[in-house]
Amino acid sequence: MTVHVAPKDFTATPVVIADEQARHAEAREALLDAAFGEARLAKTCERLREGRLPAEGLALVAMLGERLVGTVRLWNVALGPQRPALMLGPLAVDGSIRSAGIGAMLMREALGRARDDGHRVVILVGDAPYYGRFGFSSRNMDRLWLPGPVDRARFLGLDLIPGALDGARGLVSPTGAEAPRWQGLDLSATWRRAA
């Protein structure tokens, strides 16, 4: 599904929120490098994305004409044993139009799709004041941990179904589809950039 929206700062050209395609890979990586730098690949959340594909139907881009101006992905994870969830990230918007509301549009579309697909919980590591406006909080996150260091104040969760995070405990681990392999070679880094 493609959503056409006109953010508050644009009138002539609408921003289109659409499914990410392989043709978006180069522009998406450039946007992420500009937003987070090369160090983004060393972050703890990246350990949960390595060798995996994003959750089906939950890798989105924002296009302004032919220009990619935003991206968000959600990933399948488990919160301890047998508690499926999604991990959101990264979310990035082109710095030249960051105040136009594109990040909020991507968030609303991604969370709406996740809810419509029957997902119960979304977690992330991010800025609490920003993500708090979408309902994310640190409530019920204290008994969960990630496979590496994390600022606990930035480790946030959202119940898509009320009470879905209640009692969650354990290690957050990846559960999504594995990236393809070819003749025994791990293509995850290449595929992650193209997926």
Protein backbone atom coordinates (compact mmCIF):
# COMPACT_ATOMS: atom_id res chain seq x y z
CA MET A 1 0.00 0.00 0.00
CA THR A 2 1.24 3.50 -0.84
CA VAL A 3 0.16 6.52 1.18
CA HIS A 4 0.27 10.01 -0.34
CA VAL A 5 0.50 12.79 2.21
CA ALA A 6 1.27 16.49 2.14
CA PRO A 7 3.44 17.40 5.13
CA LYS A 8 2.95 20.76 6.75
CA ASP A 9 5.90 22.45 4.99
CA PHE A 10 5.14 21.29 1.42
CA THR A 11 2.29 22.16 -0.87
CA ALA A 12 3.38 21.41 -4.44
CA THR A 13 4.88 17.94 -4.12
CA PRO A 14 3.35 15.38 -1.78
CA VAL A 15 5.50 12.99 0.17
CA VAL A 16 4.72 9.38 -0.67
CA ILE A 17 5.13 6.72 2.03
CA ALA A 18 5.72 3.40 0.27
CA ASP A 19 7.21 -0.05 0.68
CA GLU A 20 10.98 -0.03 0.48
CA GLN A 21 12.33 -1.47 -2.79
CA ALA A 22 15.79 -2.73 -3.76
CA ARG A 23 16.20 0.39 -5.93
CA HIS A 24 16.13 2.51 -2.74
CA ALA A 25 19.20 0.81 -1.21
CA GLU A 26 21.89 3.33 -2.16
CA ALA A 27 19.85 6.41 -1.23
CA ARG A 28 18.70 4.77 2.00
CA GLU A 29 22.27 3.95 3.07
CA ALA A 30 23.42 7.49 2.23
CA LEU A 31 20.56 8.92 4.31
CA LEU A 32 21.40 6.66 7.27
CA ASP A 33 25.11 7.53 7.03
CA ALA A 34 24.25 11.25 7.01
CA ALA A 35 21.86 10.87 9.95
CA PHE A 36 23.90 8.51 12.16
CA GLY A 37 27.39 8.20 10.68
CA GLU A 38 29.31 5.00 10.05
CA ALA A 39 29.24 4.22 13.80
CA ARG A 40 25.59 3.20 13.40
CA LEU A 41 26.73 -0.28 12.39
CA ALA A 42 28.47 -0.74 15.76
CA LYS A 43 25.34 -0.11 17.85
CA THR A 44 23.78 -2.84 19.97
CA CYS A 45 20.53 -2.85 17.99
CA GLU A 46 22.52 -3.66 14.87
CA ARG A 47 23.38 -7.03 16.47
CA LEU A 48 19.65 -7.87 16.27
CA ARG A 49 19.47 -6.90 12.58
CA GLU A 50 22.62 -8.64 11.36
CA GLY A 51 21.89 -11.52 9.03
CA ARG A 52 18.14 -10.81 9.08
CA LEU A 53 15.52 -9.29 6.83
CA PRO A 54 13.09 -6.62 8.05
CA ALA A 55 9.63 -7.79 9.09
CA GLU A 56 7.46 -8.42 6.06
CA GLY A 57 5.70 -5.26 4.86
CA LEU A 58 7.37 -3.13 7.54
CA ALA A 59 10.29 -1.54 5.67
CA LEU A 60 9.08 1.87 4.49
CA VAL A 61 10.47 4.88 2.70
CA ALA A 62 9.29 8.47 2.29
CA MET A 63 9.72 9.82 -1.22
CA LEU A 64 9.54 13.48 -2.26
CA GLY A 65 9.22 13.09 -6.00
CA GLU A 66 12.14 10.81 -6.93
CA ARG A 67 14.14 11.75 -3.82
CA LEU A 68 14.24 9.42 -0.80
CA VAL A 69 13.76 11.66 2.24
CA GLY A 70 12.93 9.18 4.99
CA THR A 71 13.16 5.56 6.05
CA VAL A 72 11.98 3.27 8.83
CA ARG A 73 12.17 -0.48 9.35
CA LEU A 74 10.74 -2.88 11.90
CA TRP A 75 12.36 -6.23 12.72
CA ASN A 76 11.04 -9.45 14.24
CA VAL A 77 12.45 -10.15 17.71
CA ALA A 78 11.52 -12.11 20.83
CA LEU A 79 11.34 -10.57 24.30
CA GLY A 80 12.68 -13.50 26.26
CA PRO A 81 11.22 -16.91 25.52
CA GLN A 82 8.17 -17.07 23.28
CA ARG A 83 7.07 -13.44 23.38
CA PRO A 84 7.18 -12.13 19.80
CA ALA A 85 7.64 -8.43 19.20
CA LEU A 86 8.98 -5.93 16.70
CA MET A 87 12.04 -3.72 17.07
CA LEU A 88 11.82 -0.36 15.32
CA GLY A 89 14.86 1.23 13.77
CA PRO A 90 16.46 2.99 12.35
CA LEU A 91 14.13 5.91 11.63
CA ALA A 92 15.80 8.70 9.66
CA VAL A 93 14.71 11.80 7.76
CA ASP A 94 16.74 13.99 5.42
CA GLY A 95 18.26 16.76 7.56
CA SER A 96 17.21 19.51 5.16
CA ILE A 97 13.51 18.81 5.81
CA ARG A 98 13.61 17.22 9.25
CA SER A 99 10.94 19.54 10.73
CA ALA A 100 8.34 18.80 8.04
CA GLY A 101 6.63 15.97 9.94
CA ILE A 102 7.95 13.16 7.73
CA GLY A 103 9.30 11.14 10.67
CA ALA A 104 5.88 11.27 12.33
CA MET A 105 4.21 10.15 9.09
CA LEU A 106 6.59 7.21 8.80
CA MET A 107 5.99 6.29 12.46
CA ARG A 108 2.20 6.44 12.16
CA GLU A 109 2.21 4.34 8.99
CA ALA A 110 4.67 1.75 10.39
CA LEU A 111 2.83 1.40 13.71
CA GLY A 112 -0.54 1.24 11.95
CA ARG A 113 0.67 -1.51 9.64
CA ALA A 114 2.18 -3.42 12.57
CA ARG A 115 -1.10 -3.21 14.50
CA ASP A 116 -3.13 -4.22 11.42
CA ASP A 117 -0.81 -7.21 10.90
CA GLY A 118 -1.57 -8.45 14.43
CA HIS A 119 1.71 -7.53 16.12
CA ARG A 120 1.40 -6.86 19.85
CA VAL A 121 4.56 -4.98 20.92
CA VAL A 122 7.15 -2.65 19.41
CA ILE A 123 10.43 -1.82 21.15
CA LEU A 124 13.24 0.57 20.25
CA VAL A 125 16.27 2.42 21.52
CA GLY A 126 15.75 6.13 20.98
CA ASP A 127 14.96 9.59 22.28
CA ALA A 128 12.19 9.28 24.89
CA PRO A 129 10.68 12.75 24.33
CA TYR A 130 10.39 12.14 20.57
CA TYR A 131 9.04 8.59 20.73
CA GLY A 132 6.89 9.30 23.77
CA ARG A 133 4.43 11.19 21.60
CA PHE A 134 3.70 7.90 19.81
CA GLY A 135 3.08 6.12 23.11
CA PHE A 136 6.55 4.63 23.73
CA SER A 137 7.79 4.56 27.32
CA SER A 138 10.23 2.73 29.59
CA ARG A 139 7.32 1.07 31.45
CA ASN A 140 7.75 -2.72 31.63
CA MET A 141 11.21 -2.56 30.00
CA ASP A 142 13.24 -3.03 33.20
CA ARG A 143 13.33 -6.84 33.00
CA LEU A 144 14.40 -6.95 29.37
CA TRP A 145 17.95 -6.63 28.13
CA LEU A 146 19.72 -6.33 24.81
CA PRO A 147 22.80 -8.25 23.59
CA GLY A 148 25.11 -5.33 24.37
CA PRO A 149 25.22 -1.98 26.16
CA VAL A 150 22.20 0.32 26.09
CA ASP A 151 21.19 3.53 27.84
CA ARG A 152 18.20 2.25 29.85
CA ALA A 153 16.47 5.65 29.60
CA ARG A 154 16.40 5.18 25.80
CA PHE A 155 15.15 1.55 25.86
CA LEU A 156 11.43 2.01 25.16
CA GLY A 157 8.39 -0.10 24.39
CA LEU A 158 4.86 0.30 23.07
CA ASP A 159 1.89 -2.01 23.64
CA LEU A 160 -0.04 -2.24 20.38
CA ILE A 161 -2.50 -4.34 22.38
CA PRO A 162 -3.04 -3.10 25.96
CA GLY A 163 -1.00 -5.10 28.47
CA ALA A 164 1.10 -6.92 25.86
CA LEU A 165 4.36 -5.93 27.60
CA ASP A 166 3.15 -6.90 31.07
CA GLY A 167 5.50 -9.47 32.58
CA ALA A 168 8.01 -9.30 29.71
CA ARG A 169 11.45 -10.48 30.81
CA GLY A 170 14.60 -11.87 29.27
CA LEU A 171 17.02 -11.29 26.45
CA VAL A 172 15.79 -9.58 23.29
CA SER A 173 16.82 -11.84 20.42
CA PRO A 174 16.31 -11.83 16.64
CA THR A 175 13.64 -14.09 15.19
CA GLY A 176 13.05 -12.75 11.71
CA ALA A 177 13.79 -14.36 8.39
CA GLU A 178 17.47 -14.84 7.70
CA ALA A 179 19.07 -12.96 4.85
CA PRO A 180 19.89 -15.16 1.87
CA ARG A 181 23.16 -17.03 1.53
CA TRP A 182 24.89 -17.94 -1.71
CA GLN A 183 27.27 -20.87 -1.91
CA GLY A 184 27.90 -20.69 1.82
CA LEU A 185 28.66 -16.95 1.80
CA ASP A 186 26.75 -14.73 4.20
CA LEU A 187 25.16 -11.98 2.11
CA SER A 188 23.52 -10.25 5.05
CA ALA A 189 25.46 -6.98 4.85
CA THR A 190 24.79 -6.69 1.13
CA TRP A 191 21.19 -7.84 1.49
CA ARG A 192 20.57 -5.50 4.45
CA ARG A 193 21.56 -2.62 2.25
CA ALA A 194 19.33 -3.83 -0.60
CA ALA A 195 16.33 -5.08 1.38
